[in-house]
C-alpha atoms as a PDB file:
ATOM      1  CA  MET A   1       8.194  -3.496 -13.884  1.00  0.00           C
ATOM      2  CA  GLU A   2       6.217  -0.026 -13.442  1.00  0.00           C
ATOM      3  CA  VAL A   3       4.458   1.372 -10.497  1.00  0.00           C
ATOM      4  CA  THR A   4       1.753   4.086 -10.430  1.00  0.00           C
ATOM      5  CA  VAL A   5       0.030   4.819  -7.162  1.00  0.00           C
ATOM      6  CA  LEU A   6      -3.486   5.871  -8.586  1.00  0.00           C
ATOM      7  CA  ALA A   7      -4.823   7.003  -4.940  1.00  0.00           C
ATOM      8  CA  SER A   8      -3.605   6.962  -1.325  1.00  0.00           C
ATOM      9  CA  GLY A   9      -5.451   7.971   1.864  1.00  0.00           C
ATOM     10  CA  SER A  10      -8.393   7.646   4.033  1.00  0.00           C
ATOM     11  CA  LYS A  11     -10.869   8.220   1.074  1.00  0.00           C
ATOM     12  CA  GLY A  12      -9.571   5.251  -1.020  1.00  0.00           C
ATOM     13  CA  ASN A  13      -6.449   3.525  -2.331  1.00  0.00           C
ATOM     14  CA  SER A  14      -5.025   1.811  -5.335  1.00  0.00           C
ATOM     15  CA  THR A  15      -1.649   1.230  -6.972  1.00  0.00           C
ATOM     16  CA  LEU A  16      -0.998  -0.318 -10.278  1.00  0.00           C
ATOM     17  CA  ILE A  17       1.770  -2.582 -11.166  1.00  0.00           C
ATOM     18  CA  LYS A  18       2.618  -3.024 -14.579  1.00  0.00           C
ATOM     19  CA  THR A  19       4.777  -6.275 -15.263  1.00  0.00           C
ATOM     20  CA  LYS A  20       6.263  -7.517 -18.640  1.00  0.00           C
ATOM     21  CA  ASN A  21       3.327  -9.535 -18.944  1.00  0.00           C
ATOM     22  CA  LYS A  22       0.307  -8.531 -16.291  1.00  0.00           C
ATOM     23  CA  LEU A  23      -1.314  -5.520 -14.745  1.00  0.00           C
ATOM     24  CA  ILE A  24      -2.053  -5.655 -11.397  1.00  0.00           C
ATOM     25  CA  LEU A  25      -4.013  -3.467  -8.971  1.00  0.00           C
ATOM     26  CA  VAL A  26      -3.295  -3.431  -5.565  1.00  0.00           C
ATOM     27  CA  ASP A  27      -6.706  -2.555  -3.922  1.00  0.00           C
ATOM     28  CA  ALA A  28      -9.675  -1.103  -5.324  1.00  0.00           C
ATOM     29  CA  GLY A  29     -10.930   1.593  -3.009  1.00  0.00           C
ATOM     30  CA  MET A  30     -11.910   4.238  -5.343  1.00  0.00           C
ATOM     31  CA  ASN A  31     -14.697   4.392  -7.492  1.00  0.00           C
ATOM     32  CA  MET A  32     -14.807   2.902 -10.724  1.00  0.00           C
ATOM     33  CA  LYS A  33     -14.852   5.864 -12.894  1.00  0.00           C
ATOM     34  CA  TYR A  34     -11.753   7.085 -10.936  1.00  0.00           C
ATOM     35  CA  LEU A  35     -10.001   4.219 -11.697  1.00  0.00           C
ATOM     36  CA  GLU A  36     -10.872   4.456 -15.047  1.00  0.00           C
ATOM     37  CA  THR A  37      -9.862   7.917 -15.544  1.00  0.00           C
ATOM     38  CA  LYS A  38      -6.612   7.593 -13.791  1.00  0.00           C
ATOM     39  CA  LEU A  39      -5.417   4.436 -15.814  1.00  0.00           C
ATOM     40  CA  ARG A  40      -6.081   6.298 -18.920  1.00  0.00           C
ATOM     41  CA  GLU A  41      -3.777   9.257 -18.086  1.00  0.00           C
ATOM     42  CA  ILE A  42      -1.373   6.423 -18.027  1.00  0.00           C
ATOM     43  CA  GLU A  43      -2.365   4.566 -21.313  1.00  0.00           C
ATOM     44  CA  VAL A  44      -3.834   1.401 -19.584  1.00  0.00           C
ATOM     45  CA  LEU A  45      -7.669   0.585 -19.616  1.00  0.00           C
ATOM     46  CA  LEU A  46      -9.250  -0.891 -16.862  1.00  0.00           C
ATOM     47  CA  LYS A  47     -10.704  -3.484 -18.835  1.00  0.00           C
ATOM     48  CA  ASP A  48      -7.027  -5.196 -19.194  1.00  0.00           C
ATOM     49  CA  ILE A  49      -6.359  -5.509 -15.424  1.00  0.00           C
ATOM     50  CA  ASP A  50      -5.601  -9.038 -14.555  1.00  0.00           C
ATOM     51  CA  TYR A  51      -5.130  -9.393 -11.030  1.00  0.00           C
ATOM     52  CA  ILE A  52      -6.412  -7.658  -7.890  1.00  0.00           C
ATOM     53  CA  ILE A  53      -4.653  -8.013  -4.900  1.00  0.00           C
ATOM     54  CA  ILE A  54      -6.380  -6.742  -1.738  1.00  0.00           C
ATOM     55  CA  THR A  55      -4.326  -5.584   1.367  1.00  0.00           C
ATOM     56  CA  HIS A  56      -7.378  -5.726   3.802  1.00  0.00           C
ATOM     57  CA  THR A  57     -11.017  -5.310   3.971  1.00  0.00           C
ATOM     58  CA  HIS A  58     -11.364  -1.425   5.112  1.00  0.00           C
ATOM     59  CA  SER A  59     -13.712   0.024   2.518  1.00  0.00           C
ATOM     60  CA  ASP A  60     -11.271   2.552   1.434  1.00  0.00           C
ATOM     61  CA  HIS A  61      -9.136  -0.487  -0.115  1.00  0.00           C
ATOM     62  CA  ILE A  62     -12.293  -2.427  -1.444  1.00  0.00           C
ATOM     63  CA  SER A  63     -15.169  -0.547  -2.495  1.00  0.00           C
ATOM     64  CA  SER A  64     -14.947  -0.763  -6.295  1.00  0.00           C
ATOM     65  CA  LEU A  65     -14.479  -4.654  -6.153  1.00  0.00           C
ATOM     66  CA  PRO A  66     -18.157  -5.651  -6.672  1.00  0.00           C
ATOM     67  CA  VAL A  67     -18.598  -3.917  -9.578  1.00  0.00           C
ATOM     68  CA  LEU A  68     -15.481  -4.886 -11.037  1.00  0.00           C
ATOM     69  CA  ILE A  69     -15.484  -8.082 -10.669  1.00  0.00           C
ATOM     70  CA  LYS A  70     -18.941  -8.066 -12.651  1.00  0.00           C
ATOM     71  CA  THR A  71     -17.564  -5.968 -14.761  1.00  0.00           C
ATOM     72  CA  ILE A  72     -13.856  -6.867 -15.740  1.00  0.00           C
ATOM     73  CA  HIS A  73     -13.672 -10.051 -14.214  1.00  0.00           C
ATOM     74  CA  PRO A  74     -10.079  -9.976 -12.679  1.00  0.00           C
ATOM     75  CA  THR A  75      -8.296 -12.461 -10.744  1.00  0.00           C
ATOM     76  CA  VAL A  76      -8.772 -11.466  -6.878  1.00  0.00           C
ATOM     77  CA  ILE A  77      -5.984 -12.538  -4.885  1.00  0.00           C
ATOM     78  CA  VAL A  78      -6.691 -12.670  -0.827  1.00  0.00           C
ATOM     79  CA  THR A  79      -6.171 -14.928   1.874  1.00  0.00           C
ATOM     80  CA  LYS A  80      -8.842 -17.389   3.046  1.00  0.00           C
ATOM     81  CA  LYS A  81      -9.580 -15.493   5.979  1.00  0.00           C
ATOM     82  CA  MET A  82     -10.513 -12.145   4.318  1.00  0.00           C
ATOM     83  CA  LEU A  83     -13.532 -14.268   2.984  1.00  0.00           C
ATOM     84  CA  LYS A  84     -15.676 -13.232   6.122  1.00  0.00           C
ATOM     85  CA  ASP A  85     -15.932  -9.621   5.089  1.00  0.00           C
ATOM     86  CA  LEU A  86     -15.590 -10.537   1.093  1.00  0.00           C
ATOM     87  CA  SER A  87     -18.886 -12.824   0.706  1.00  0.00           C
ATOM     88  CA  ILE A  88     -19.066 -11.453  -2.878  1.00  0.00           C
ATOM     89  CA  LEU A  89     -16.142 -13.403  -3.690  1.00  0.00           C
ATOM     90  CA  ASN A  90     -17.959 -16.741  -2.313  1.00  0.00           C
ATOM     91  CA  GLU A  91     -19.667 -17.399  -5.997  1.00  0.00           C
ATOM     92  CA  TYR A  92     -16.853 -15.702  -8.027  1.00  0.00           C
ATOM     93  CA  ASP A  93     -14.641 -18.300  -9.621  1.00  0.00           C
ATOM     94  CA  GLN A  94     -11.753 -16.435 -10.430  1.00  0.00           C
ATOM     95  CA  VAL A  95      -9.772 -16.323  -6.756  1.00  0.00           C
ATOM     96  CA  LEU A  96      -6.462 -17.209  -5.805  1.00  0.00           C
ATOM     97  CA  PHE A  97      -5.822 -17.622  -2.036  1.00  0.00           C
ATOM     98  CA  LEU A  98      -2.499 -16.400  -0.802  1.00  0.00           C
ATOM     99  CA  GLU A  99      -1.289 -17.378   2.475  1.00  0.00           C
ATOM    100  CA  ASN A 100       2.316 -16.889   2.393  1.00  0.00           C
ATOM    101  CA  ASP A 101       3.922 -17.045  -1.162  1.00  0.00           C
ATOM    102  CA  LEU A 102       2.398 -17.191  -4.795  1.00  0.00           C
ATOM    103  CA  GLU A 103       3.936 -17.646  -7.851  1.00  0.00           C
ATOM    104  CA  ILE A 104       2.479 -16.560 -10.979  1.00  0.00           C
ATOM    105  CA  ASP A 105       4.257 -16.948 -14.140  1.00  0.00           C
ATOM    106  CA  ASN A 106       7.501 -14.906 -13.720  1.00  0.00           C
ATOM    107  CA  LEU A 107       6.091 -13.207 -10.799  1.00  0.00           C
ATOM    108  CA  LYS A 108       6.466 -13.730  -6.889  1.00  0.00           C
ATOM    109  CA  ILE A 109       3.941 -12.224  -4.457  1.00  0.00           C
ATOM    110  CA  GLU A 110       5.257 -12.442  -0.658  1.00  0.00           C
ATOM    111  CA  SER A 111       3.118 -11.926   2.308  1.00  0.00           C
ATOM    112  CA  ILE A 112       3.545  -9.640   5.058  1.00  0.00           C
ATOM    113  CA  PRO A 113       1.213  -9.698   8.057  1.00  0.00           C
ATOM    114  CA  THR A 114       0.565  -6.237   9.390  1.00  0.00           C
ATOM    115  CA  SER A 115      -1.291  -4.918  12.726  1.00  0.00           C
ATOM    116  CA  HIS A 116      -4.483  -3.323  11.607  1.00  0.00           C
ATOM    117  CA  ASP A 117      -8.243  -3.686  13.028  1.00  0.00           C
ATOM    118  CA  ALA A 118      -8.975  -5.409   9.758  1.00  0.00           C
ATOM    119  CA  ILE A 119      -9.235  -9.315   9.232  1.00  0.00           C
ATOM    120  CA  ASP A 120      -5.835 -10.966   8.301  1.00  0.00           C
ATOM    121  CA  SER A 121      -4.209  -7.658   7.033  1.00  0.00           C
ATOM    122  CA  ARG A 122      -1.171  -7.795   4.684  1.00  0.00           C
ATOM    123  CA  GLY A 123       1.748  -6.006   3.260  1.00  0.00           C
ATOM    124  CA  TYR A 124       3.085  -7.553   0.081  1.00  0.00           C
ATOM    125  CA  ILE A 125       6.665  -7.854  -1.627  1.00  0.00           C
ATOM    126  CA  ILE A 126       5.911  -8.067  -5.336  1.00  0.00           C
ATOM    127  CA  SER A 127       8.690  -9.175  -7.371  1.00  0.00           C
ATOM    128  CA  GLU A 128       9.617  -9.782 -10.978  1.00  0.00           C
ATOM    129  CA  ASP A 129      13.038 -11.086 -11.958  1.00  0.00           C
ATOM    130  CA  ASN A 130      15.272  -9.123  -9.888  1.00  0.00           C
ATOM    131  CA  THR A 131      13.056  -6.540  -8.955  1.00  0.00           C
ATOM    132  CA  SER A 132      10.779  -5.998  -5.824  1.00  0.00           C
ATOM    133  CA  VAL A 133       8.219  -3.343  -4.637  1.00  0.00           C
ATOM    134  CA  VAL A 134       7.108  -3.627  -1.035  1.00  0.00           C
ATOM    135  CA  ILE A 135       3.713  -1.989  -0.014  1.00  0.00           C
ATOM    136  CA  ILE A 136       2.983  -1.785   3.565  1.00  0.00           C
ATOM    137  CA  THR A 137      -0.028   0.341   4.516  1.00  0.00           C
ATOM    138  CA  ASP A 138      -2.535   0.550   7.308  1.00  0.00           C
ATOM    139  CA  THR A 139      -0.392  -1.036  10.425  1.00  0.00           C
ATOM    140  CA  GLY A 140       0.072  -0.244  13.611  1.00  0.00           C
ATOM    141  CA  TYR A 141       3.754  -1.354  13.968  1.00  0.00           C
ATOM    142  CA  LEU A 142       6.046  -3.885  12.187  1.00  0.00           C
ATOM    143  CA  ASN A 143       7.352  -6.841  13.702  1.00  0.00           C
ATOM    144  CA  LYS A 144      10.995  -7.119  13.622  1.00  0.00           C
ATOM    145  CA  LYS A 145      11.107 -10.659  12.156  1.00  0.00           C
ATOM    146  CA  TYR A 146      10.248  -9.288   8.986  1.00  0.00           C
ATOM    147  CA  PHE A 147      12.923  -6.860   8.679  1.00  0.00           C
ATOM    148  CA  ASP A 148      15.279  -9.468   6.800  1.00  0.00           C
ATOM    149  CA  LYS A 149      12.276 -10.364   4.106  1.00  0.00           C
ATOM    150  CA  LEU A 150      11.510  -6.565   3.514  1.00  0.00           C
ATOM    151  CA  TYR A 151      15.663  -5.407   3.105  1.00  0.00           C
ATOM    152  CA  ASN A 152      16.614  -3.755   0.432  1.00  0.00           C
ATOM    153  CA  LYS A 153      14.012  -3.817  -2.061  1.00  0.00           C
ATOM    154  CA  ASP A 154      13.925  -1.427  -5.349  1.00  0.00           C
ATOM    155  CA  LEU A 155      10.862   0.716  -4.563  1.00  0.00           C
ATOM    156  CA  TYR A 156       8.777   1.163  -0.843  1.00  0.00           C
ATOM    157  CA  ILE A 157       5.293   2.414  -0.676  1.00  0.00           C
ATOM    158  CA  PHE A 158       5.274   2.788   2.724  1.00  0.00           C
ATOM    159  CA  GLU A 159       2.590   4.673   5.173  1.00  0.00           C
ATOM    160  CA  SER A 160       3.092   7.502   7.023  1.00  0.00           C
ATOM    161  CA  ASN A 161       0.072   8.467   8.319  1.00  0.00           C
ATOM    162  CA  HIS A 162      -0.132  11.243  10.993  1.00  0.00           C
ATOM    163  CA  ASP A 163       2.078  13.529  12.734  1.00  0.00           C
ATOM    164  CA  ILE A 164       1.834  12.411  16.502  1.00  0.00           C
ATOM    165  CA  GLU A 165       1.392  16.102  18.128  1.00  0.00           C
ATOM    166  CA  MET A 166      -0.837  17.119  15.389  1.00  0.00           C
ATOM    167  CA  LEU A 167      -2.850  14.260  15.990  1.00  0.00           C
ATOM    168  CA  LEU A 168      -2.994  14.434  19.827  1.00  0.00           C
ATOM    169  CA  HIS A 169      -3.701  18.272  19.752  1.00  0.00           C
ATOM    170  CA  GLY A 170      -6.335  17.587  16.588  1.00  0.00           C
ATOM    171  CA  ARG A 171     -10.160  17.285  16.453  1.00  0.00           C
ATOM    172  CA  TYR A 172     -10.553  13.732  16.464  1.00  0.00           C
ATOM    173  CA  PRO A 173     -12.337  12.236  19.311  1.00  0.00           C
ATOM    174  CA  LYS A 174     -10.091  10.607  22.065  1.00  0.00           C
ATOM    175  CA  TRP A 175     -11.701   7.018  21.018  1.00  0.00           C
ATOM    176  CA  LEU A 176     -10.599   7.572  17.393  1.00  0.00           C
ATOM    177  CA  LYS A 177      -7.131   8.958  18.639  1.00  0.00           C
ATOM    178  CA  GLN A 178      -6.593   6.068  20.704  1.00  0.00           C
ATOM    179  CA  ARG A 179      -7.208   3.911  17.952  1.00  0.00           C
ATOM    180  CA  VAL A 180      -4.872   5.591  15.338  1.00  0.00           C
ATOM    181  CA  LEU A 181      -1.968   5.462  17.809  1.00  0.00           C
ATOM    182  CA  SER A 182      -2.664   1.774  18.876  1.00  0.00           C
ATOM    183  CA  ASP A 183      -0.665  -1.549  17.760  1.00  0.00           C
ATOM    184  CA  VAL A 184      -3.639  -1.843  15.147  1.00  0.00           C
ATOM    185  CA  GLY A 185      -3.856   1.621  13.999  1.00  0.00           C
ATOM    186  CA  HIS A 186      -1.859   3.377  11.701  1.00  0.00           C
ATOM    187  CA  LEU A 187       2.375   4.351  11.404  1.00  0.00           C
ATOM    188  CA  SER A 188       3.020   7.986  12.400  1.00  0.00           C
ATOM    189  CA  ASN A 189       5.551   9.856  10.584  1.00  0.00           C
ATOM    190  CA  GLN A 190       8.173   9.164  13.144  1.00  0.00           C
ATOM    191  CA  SER A 191       7.721   5.523  13.066  1.00  0.00           C
ATOM    192  CA  ALA A 192       7.474   5.042   9.246  1.00  0.00           C
ATOM    193  CA  SER A 193      11.036   6.952   9.307  1.00  0.00           C
ATOM    194  CA  TYR A 194      12.566   4.275  11.794  1.00  0.00           C
ATOM    195  CA  TYR A 195      11.199   1.389   9.822  1.00  0.00           C
ATOM    196  CA  LEU A 196      12.571   2.905   6.494  1.00  0.00           C
ATOM    197  CA  SER A 197      15.742   3.571   8.442  1.00  0.00           C
ATOM    198  CA  LYS A 198      16.341  -0.176   8.747  1.00  0.00           C
ATOM    199  CA  LEU A 199      14.894  -1.470   5.742  1.00  0.00           C
ATOM    200  CA  ILE A 200      16.455   0.315   2.826  1.00  0.00           C
ATOM    201  CA  GLY A 201      19.770  -0.625   1.182  1.00  0.00           C
ATOM    202  CA  PRO A 202      21.876  -0.235  -1.810  1.00  0.00           C
ATOM    203  CA  ASN A 203      19.356  -1.475  -4.305  1.00  0.00           C
ATOM    204  CA  THR A 204      16.527   1.137  -3.232  1.00  0.00           C
ATOM    205  CA  LYS A 205      15.762   3.668  -5.730  1.00  0.00           C
ATOM    206  CA  LYS A 206      12.625   5.443  -4.082  1.00  0.00           C
ATOM    207  CA  ILE A 207      10.510   5.791  -1.413  1.00  0.00           C
ATOM    208  CA  ILE A 208       6.753   6.743  -1.494  1.00  0.00           C
ATOM    209  CA  LEU A 209       5.064   7.740   1.599  1.00  0.00           C
ATOM    210  CA  ALA A 210       1.562   6.620   1.558  1.00  0.00           C
ATOM    211  CA  HIS A 211      -1.778   6.907   3.393  1.00  0.00           C
ATOM    212  CA  LEU A 212      -1.179  10.461   4.669  1.00  0.00           C
ATOM    213  CA  SER A 213      -3.927  11.947   6.790  1.00  0.00           C
ATOM    214  CA  GLU A 214      -5.622  14.799   5.751  1.00  0.00           C
ATOM    215  CA  GLU A 215      -6.527  15.867   9.409  1.00  0.00           C
ATOM    216  CA  ASN A 216      -2.996  15.095  11.148  1.00  0.00           C
ATOM    217  CA  ASN A 217      -0.490  15.341   8.821  1.00  0.00           C
ATOM    218  CA  THR A 218       1.249  17.228   5.788  1.00  0.00           C
ATOM    219  CA  PRO A 219       3.192  16.290   2.727  1.00  0.00           C
ATOM    220  CA  ASP A 220       5.659  18.661   4.085  1.00  0.00           C
ATOM    221  CA  MET A 221       5.571  16.994   7.603  1.00  0.00           C
ATOM    222  CA  ALA A 222       6.089  13.869   6.744  1.00  0.00           C
ATOM    223  CA  LEU A 223       9.241  14.531   4.400  1.00  0.00           C
ATOM    224  CA  ASP A 224      10.563  16.636   6.901  1.00  0.00           C
ATOM    225  CA  SER A 225      10.465  14.113   9.363  1.00  0.00           C
ATOM    226  CA  ILE A 226      11.855  10.844   7.702  1.00  0.00           C
ATOM    227  CA  LYS A 227      14.851  13.453   6.327  1.00  0.00           C
ATOM    228  CA  GLU A 228      15.408  14.745   9.635  1.00  0.00           C
ATOM    229  CA  TYR A 229      15.729  10.865  10.768  1.00  0.00           C
ATOM    230  CA  PHE A 230      17.919   9.964   7.776  1.00  0.00           C
ATOM    231  CA  SER A 231      20.296  12.687   8.645  1.00  0.00           C
ATOM    232  CA  GLN A 232      20.610  11.914  12.339  1.00  0.00           C
ATOM    233  CA  GLU A 233      21.444   8.167  10.937  1.00  0.00           C
ATOM    234  CA  ASN A 234      23.922   9.390   8.334  1.00  0.00           C
ATOM    235  CA  ILE A 235      21.668   7.596   5.987  1.00  0.00           C
ATOM    236  CA  GLU A 236      21.985   9.221   2.639  1.00  0.00           C
ATOM    237  CA  PHE A 237      18.708   8.887   0.769  1.00  0.00           C
ATOM    238  CA  THR A 238      16.639  11.512  -0.973  1.00  0.00           C
ATOM    239  CA  ASN A 239      14.474   9.922  -3.684  1.00  0.00           C
ATOM    240  CA  ILE A 240      11.313  10.377  -1.370  1.00  0.00           C
ATOM    241  CA  VAL A 241       7.869  11.327  -2.781  1.00  0.00           C
ATOM    242  CA  ILE A 242       4.507  11.706  -1.267  1.00  0.00           C
ATOM    243  CA  ALA A 243       1.407   9.732  -2.559  1.00  0.00           C
ATOM    244  CA  ASN A 244      -1.673  11.586  -3.224  1.00  0.00           C
ATOM    245  CA  GLN A 245      -5.426  11.289  -2.392  1.00  0.00           C
ATOM    246  CA  PHE A 246      -6.603  12.363  -5.695  1.00  0.00           C
ATOM    247  CA  GLU A 247      -3.750  12.691  -7.918  1.00  0.00           C
ATOM    248  CA  ILE A 248      -1.536   9.646  -9.649  1.00  0.00           C
ATOM    249  CA  THR A 249       1.979   9.606  -8.058  1.00  0.00           C
ATOM    250  CA  GLU A 250       4.474   9.920 -10.754  1.00  0.00           C
ATOM    251  CA  ARG A 251       5.071   6.573 -12.584  1.00  0.00           C
ATOM    252  CA  THR A 252       8.063   4.355 -11.185  1.00  0.00           C
ATOM    253  CA  LYS A 253      10.553   2.336 -13.423  1.00  0.00           C
ATOM    254  CA  ILE A 254      12.326  -0.198 -11.421  1.00  0.00           C
END
């Protein structure tokens, strides 16, 4: 399995997962030209995408979905509740509904409910053979009852949206600060560090910190936060990188 984050942030999100036989996009929040260009950089053609999995229905995760279903005709994987915000799929004949787990060929897609102000938002564990990638972004918190299910995976793409102090003293209006900090908002650097300290294990090869706020975070702050927390917890893990809004993140083979 090969994983490449194509874009990550409030302006758009998309991740490519290349398995033995399939090409999967998780979210389609950048315009079609951007996706074509970035995929070409890693020698993938947009028309060859087999599946698009949607985490939730905010525009930075689905903006190019209408044009993609008309041009490349992928199979779209969503939950039934998401259709309330995805009327474009009502007449589309290549939709798979995922409520808990879904198996396709040698792939297993497991769904984790996340806590965000969007209908039925989800995180995913995508597995092939004995390798797994976890994708958790856009959530105000992570329920501990899912820790066992998420434990010890090969790769984590995990939200580290904001530094709390930077957000509190920043330019956002009060209502927006409250939204970001709420249980249906976004994970702070501090929260991400805590959750990842509980989830990574001996099999974990890499962490990609994702969905960083351009206004209330910096890559250095996110990295320093998790490194400091891991050090305090005596966790020796250093293969941590930051996903970028407008550049692909290095391809990860797991």
